[in-house]
Amino acid sequence: MSVSLRLSRGGSKKRPYYKVVVANSRSPRDGAYLEQVGTYNPLLAKDDENRVRLTEDRVRYWLGVGAQPTDRVARMLDKAGIKERAATVNPAKGEPGKKAKERAEDRAKKIAEAEEAKREAEEAAAAAAAAPAAEEPAAEEAPAEEAAAEQAEG
């Protein structure tokens, strides 16, 4: 029989309250347990002393006879100074997930395309503004030529 230190949920809907219990690792989460060795109330502030309450001597006894704490309980024990917990290294902790990266890439492509389209529109507008300035003398010459042709005819 393997024994574990784990949380057993109590409380009502949306108002969780946990017992820190010593139980057979195969028994259900909220099922029978050997002994209750503490409580955990996640609704209290993190610095509140009543958030996690442990019976230290009983916890040490169960750890001494081979009980394995779950990750969450191990964190509580480490914070209480009962059992040292090795820090886990997660190099990808701050990185966004695959889908979030894909969305960011798509967004960046759309922004780049919009900027390129805007730049092309500005260039076209600048070219259009420059073209009429170049065409104006030619446009002025054409009516003058037409007037001269009319005078010659008439």
C-alpha atoms as a PDB file:
ATOM      1  CA  MET A   1       0.000   0.000   0.000  1.00  0.00           C
ATOM      2  CA  SER A   2       1.456   3.344  -1.050  1.00  0.00           C
ATOM      3  CA  VAL A   3       0.468   6.311   1.063  1.00  0.00           C
ATOM      4  CA  SER A   4       0.260   9.893  -0.148  1.00  0.00           C
ATOM      5  CA  LEU A   5      -0.205  13.308   1.413  1.00  0.00           C
ATOM      6  CA  ARG A   6      -2.790  15.069  -0.720  1.00  0.00           C
ATOM      7  CA  LEU A   7      -5.713  17.468  -0.775  1.00  0.00           C
ATOM      8  CA  SER A   8      -9.306  16.354  -0.298  1.00  0.00           C
ATOM      9  CA  ARG A   9     -11.864  18.880  -1.527  1.00  0.00           C
ATOM     10  CA  GLY A  10     -14.710  20.055   0.624  1.00  0.00           C
ATOM     11  CA  GLY A  11     -16.798  23.199   0.749  1.00  0.00           C
ATOM     12  CA  SER A  12     -19.577  24.130  -1.606  1.00  0.00           C
ATOM     13  CA  LYS A  13     -19.784  25.061  -5.250  1.00  0.00           C
ATOM     14  CA  LYS A  14     -17.448  27.993  -6.050  1.00  0.00           C
ATOM     15  CA  ARG A  15     -16.278  28.006  -2.397  1.00  0.00           C
ATOM     16  CA  PRO A  16     -13.531  25.357  -2.190  1.00  0.00           C
ATOM     17  CA  TYR A  17     -12.010  24.225   1.067  1.00  0.00           C
ATOM     18  CA  TYR A  18      -9.412  21.492   1.288  1.00  0.00           C
ATOM     19  CA  LYS A  19      -8.237  19.054   3.948  1.00  0.00           C
ATOM     20  CA  VAL A  20      -4.621  17.943   3.803  1.00  0.00           C
ATOM     21  CA  VAL A  21      -4.972  14.194   4.334  1.00  0.00           C
ATOM     22  CA  VAL A  22      -2.896  11.027   4.428  1.00  0.00           C
ATOM     23  CA  ALA A  23      -4.614   8.489   2.194  1.00  0.00           C
ATOM     24  CA  ASN A  24      -4.027   5.353   0.203  1.00  0.00           C
ATOM     25  CA  SER A  25      -2.900   6.539  -3.224  1.00  0.00           C
ATOM     26  CA  ARG A  26      -5.552   4.343  -4.894  1.00  0.00           C
ATOM     27  CA  SER A  27      -8.520   5.708  -2.918  1.00  0.00           C
ATOM     28  CA  PRO A  28     -10.740   8.426  -4.488  1.00  0.00           C
ATOM     29  CA  ARG A  29      -9.840  12.098  -4.036  1.00  0.00           C
ATOM     30  CA  ASP A  30     -12.613  12.782  -1.533  1.00  0.00           C
ATOM     31  CA  GLY A  31     -12.850   9.192  -0.311  1.00  0.00           C
ATOM     32  CA  ALA A  32     -11.630   7.497   2.853  1.00  0.00           C
ATOM     33  CA  TYR A  33      -8.345   8.668   4.340  1.00  0.00           C
ATOM     34  CA  LEU A  34      -6.106   7.534   7.164  1.00  0.00           C
ATOM     35  CA  GLU A  35      -5.635  10.870   8.928  1.00  0.00           C
ATOM     36  CA  GLN A  36      -6.244  14.575   8.433  1.00  0.00           C
ATOM     37  CA  VAL A  37      -3.013  16.511   8.966  1.00  0.00           C
ATOM     38  CA  GLY A  38      -4.045  20.027   7.937  1.00  0.00           C
ATOM     39  CA  THR A  39      -6.331  22.378   6.039  1.00  0.00           C
ATOM     40  CA  TYR A  40      -6.024  24.722   3.070  1.00  0.00           C
ATOM     41  CA  ASN A  41      -8.411  27.575   2.295  1.00  0.00           C
ATOM     42  CA  PRO A  42      -7.551  29.095  -1.117  1.00  0.00           C
ATOM     43  CA  LEU A  43     -10.067  31.918  -0.661  1.00  0.00           C
ATOM     44  CA  LEU A  44      -7.965  33.569   2.043  1.00  0.00           C
ATOM     45  CA  ALA A  45      -5.175  36.037   1.208  1.00  0.00           C
ATOM     46  CA  LYS A  46      -1.767  34.519   0.475  1.00  0.00           C
ATOM     47  CA  ASP A  47      -0.208  36.125   3.536  1.00  0.00           C
ATOM     48  CA  ASP A  48      -2.989  34.970   5.908  1.00  0.00           C
ATOM     49  CA  GLU A  49      -1.716  32.445   8.473  1.00  0.00           C
ATOM     50  CA  ASN A  50      -5.021  30.503   8.323  1.00  0.00           C
ATOM     51  CA  ARG A  51      -4.677  29.837   4.586  1.00  0.00           C
ATOM     52  CA  VAL A  52      -2.579  26.715   5.188  1.00  0.00           C
ATOM     53  CA  ARG A  53      -2.629  24.992   8.576  1.00  0.00           C
ATOM     54  CA  LEU A  54      -0.542  21.854   9.116  1.00  0.00           C
ATOM     55  CA  THR A  55      -0.007  19.568  12.096  1.00  0.00           C
ATOM     56  CA  GLU A  56       3.770  19.562  11.701  1.00  0.00           C
ATOM     57  CA  ASP A  57       4.658  16.577  13.924  1.00  0.00           C
ATOM     58  CA  ARG A  58       2.109  14.289  12.180  1.00  0.00           C
ATOM     59  CA  VAL A  59       3.254  15.434   8.727  1.00  0.00           C
ATOM     60  CA  ARG A  60       6.874  14.680   9.672  1.00  0.00           C
ATOM     61  CA  TYR A  61       5.817  11.239  10.988  1.00  0.00           C
ATOM     62  CA  TRP A  62       4.025  10.324   7.745  1.00  0.00           C
ATOM     63  CA  LEU A  63       6.904  11.585   5.626  1.00  0.00           C
ATOM     64  CA  GLY A  64       9.213   9.472   7.821  1.00  0.00           C
ATOM     65  CA  VAL A  65       7.245   6.292   7.129  1.00  0.00           C
ATOM     66  CA  GLY A  66       7.300   6.903   3.355  1.00  0.00           C
ATOM     67  CA  ALA A  67       4.224   8.968   2.471  1.00  0.00           C
ATOM     68  CA  GLN A  68       4.688  10.825  -0.825  1.00  0.00           C
ATOM     69  CA  PRO A  69       3.225  14.350  -1.048  1.00  0.00           C
ATOM     70  CA  THR A  70       1.514  15.515  -4.222  1.00  0.00           C
ATOM     71  CA  ASP A  71       3.080  18.495  -5.990  1.00  0.00           C
ATOM     72  CA  ARG A  72       0.677  21.004  -4.425  1.00  0.00           C
ATOM     73  CA  VAL A  73       1.154  19.621  -0.916  1.00  0.00           C
ATOM     74  CA  ALA A  74       4.934  19.515  -1.486  1.00  0.00           C
ATOM     75  CA  ARG A  75       4.823  23.238  -2.238  1.00  0.00           C
ATOM     76  CA  MET A  76       2.935  23.848   1.006  1.00  0.00           C
ATOM     77  CA  LEU A  77       5.423  21.764   2.977  1.00  0.00           C
ATOM     78  CA  ASP A  78       8.329  23.635   1.424  1.00  0.00           C
ATOM     79  CA  LYS A  79       6.774  26.982   2.297  1.00  0.00           C
ATOM     80  CA  ALA A  80       6.156  25.800   5.877  1.00  0.00           C
ATOM     81  CA  GLY A  81       9.780  24.643   6.126  1.00  0.00           C
ATOM     82  CA  ILE A  82       8.877  20.983   6.753  1.00  0.00           C
ATOM     83  CA  LYS A  83      10.284  19.385   3.614  1.00  0.00           C
ATOM     84  CA  GLU A  84      12.665  20.915   1.070  1.00  0.00           C
ATOM     85  CA  ARG A  85      11.346  20.820  -2.486  1.00  0.00           C
ATOM     86  CA  ALA A  86      13.684  21.009  -5.449  1.00  0.00           C
ATOM     87  CA  ALA A  87      12.775  23.868  -7.742  1.00  0.00           C
ATOM     88  CA  THR A  88      11.639  22.732 -11.156  1.00  0.00           C
ATOM     89  CA  VAL A  89      13.045  24.438 -14.221  1.00  0.00           C
ATOM     90  CA  ASN A  90      10.559  25.326 -16.913  1.00  0.00           C
ATOM     91  CA  PRO A  91      12.401  27.284 -19.615  1.00  0.00           C
ATOM     92  CA  ALA A  92       9.222  27.700 -21.692  1.00  0.00           C
ATOM     93  CA  LYS A  93       7.167  29.131 -18.812  1.00  0.00           C
ATOM     94  CA  GLY A  94       6.794  32.643 -20.196  1.00  0.00           C
ATOM     95  CA  GLU A  95       6.465  31.605 -23.829  1.00  0.00           C
ATOM     96  CA  PRO A  96       3.079  31.685 -25.512  1.00  0.00           C
ATOM     97  CA  GLY A  97       1.637  28.449 -26.865  1.00  0.00           C
ATOM     98  CA  LYS A  98       1.748  27.260 -30.479  1.00  0.00           C
ATOM     99  CA  LYS A  99      -1.661  28.692 -31.417  1.00  0.00           C
ATOM    100  CA  ALA A 100      -0.867  32.054 -29.806  1.00  0.00           C
ATOM    101  CA  LYS A 101       2.387  32.213 -31.793  1.00  0.00           C
ATOM    102  CA  GLU A 102       0.488  31.439 -35.010  1.00  0.00           C
ATOM    103  CA  ARG A 103      -2.036  34.188 -34.257  1.00  0.00           C
ATOM    104  CA  ALA A 104       0.799  36.649 -33.575  1.00  0.00           C
ATOM    105  CA  GLU A 105       2.491  35.726 -36.874  1.00  0.00           C
ATOM    106  CA  ASP A 106      -0.794  36.171 -38.780  1.00  0.00           C
ATOM    107  CA  ARG A 107      -1.345  39.526 -37.099  1.00  0.00           C
ATOM    108  CA  ALA A 108       2.207  40.618 -37.977  1.00  0.00           C
ATOM    109  CA  LYS A 109       1.664  39.561 -41.638  1.00  0.00           C
ATOM    110  CA  LYS A 110      -1.598  41.518 -41.829  1.00  0.00           C
ATOM    111  CA  ILE A 111       0.045  44.606 -40.326  1.00  0.00           C
ATOM    112  CA  ALA A 112       2.983  44.321 -42.754  1.00  0.00           C
ATOM    113  CA  GLU A 113       0.584  43.933 -45.704  1.00  0.00           C
ATOM    114  CA  ALA A 114      -1.456  46.925 -44.547  1.00  0.00           C
ATOM    115  CA  GLU A 115       1.681  49.059 -44.200  1.00  0.00           C
ATOM    116  CA  GLU A 116       2.891  47.968 -47.645  1.00  0.00           C
ATOM    117  CA  ALA A 117      -0.500  48.780 -49.193  1.00  0.00           C
ATOM    118  CA  LYS A 118      -0.466  52.168 -47.462  1.00  0.00           C
ATOM    119  CA  ARG A 119       3.074  52.833 -48.715  1.00  0.00           C
ATOM    120  CA  GLU A 120       2.049  51.853 -52.281  1.00  0.00           C
ATOM    121  CA  ALA A 121      -1.004  54.121 -52.061  1.00  0.00           C
ATOM    122  CA  GLU A 122       1.177  57.015 -50.880  1.00  0.00           C
ATOM    123  CA  GLU A 123       3.659  56.355 -53.709  1.00  0.00           C
ATOM    124  CA  ALA A 124       0.792  56.241 -56.226  1.00  0.00           C
ATOM    125  CA  ALA A 125      -0.625  59.468 -54.810  1.00  0.00           C
ATOM    126  CA  ALA A 126       2.807  61.107 -54.970  1.00  0.00           C
ATOM    127  CA  ALA A 127       3.247  59.856 -58.558  1.00  0.00           C
ATOM    128  CA  ALA A 128      -0.222  61.118 -59.468  1.00  0.00           C
ATOM    129  CA  ALA A 129       0.570  64.495 -57.932  1.00  0.00           C
ATOM    130  CA  ALA A 130       3.869  64.654 -59.825  1.00  0.00           C
ATOM    131  CA  ALA A 131       2.340  63.473 -63.128  1.00  0.00           C
ATOM    132  CA  PRO A 132      -0.253  66.284 -63.474  1.00  0.00           C
ATOM    133  CA  ALA A 133       2.481  68.807 -62.732  1.00  0.00           C
ATOM    134  CA  ALA A 134       4.515  67.348 -65.600  1.00  0.00           C
ATOM    135  CA  GLU A 135       1.449  67.114 -67.874  1.00  0.00           C
ATOM    136  CA  GLU A 136       0.190  70.671 -67.240  1.00  0.00           C
ATOM    137  CA  PRO A 137       2.566  72.381 -69.721  1.00  0.00           C
ATOM    138  CA  ALA A 138       1.641  69.820 -72.361  1.00  0.00           C
ATOM    139  CA  ALA A 139      -2.023  70.356 -71.540  1.00  0.00           C
ATOM    140  CA  GLU A 140      -1.597  74.104 -71.963  1.00  0.00           C
ATOM    141  CA  GLU A 141       0.137  73.624 -75.306  1.00  0.00           C
ATOM    142  CA  ALA A 142      -2.644  71.458 -76.712  1.00  0.00           C
ATOM    143  CA  PRO A 143      -5.380  74.122 -76.426  1.00  0.00           C
ATOM    144  CA  ALA A 144      -2.994  76.700 -77.890  1.00  0.00           C
ATOM    145  CA  GLU A 145      -2.301  74.440 -80.856  1.00  0.00           C
ATOM    146  CA  GLU A 146      -6.049  73.858 -81.322  1.00  0.00           C
ATOM    147  CA  ALA A 147      -6.688  77.593 -81.221  1.00  0.00           C
ATOM    148  CA  ALA A 148      -3.956  78.205 -83.793  1.00  0.00           C
ATOM    149  CA  ALA A 149      -5.436  75.485 -86.032  1.00  0.00           C
ATOM    150  CA  GLU A 150      -8.897  77.055 -85.746  1.00  0.00           C
ATOM    151  CA  GLN A 151      -7.556  80.489 -86.628  1.00  0.00           C
ATOM    152  CA  ALA A 152      -5.738  79.071 -89.631  1.00  0.00           C
ATOM    153  CA  GLU A 153      -8.931  77.405 -90.813  1.00  0.00           C
ATOM    154  CA  GLY A 154     -11.099  80.305 -90.148  1.00  0.00           C
END
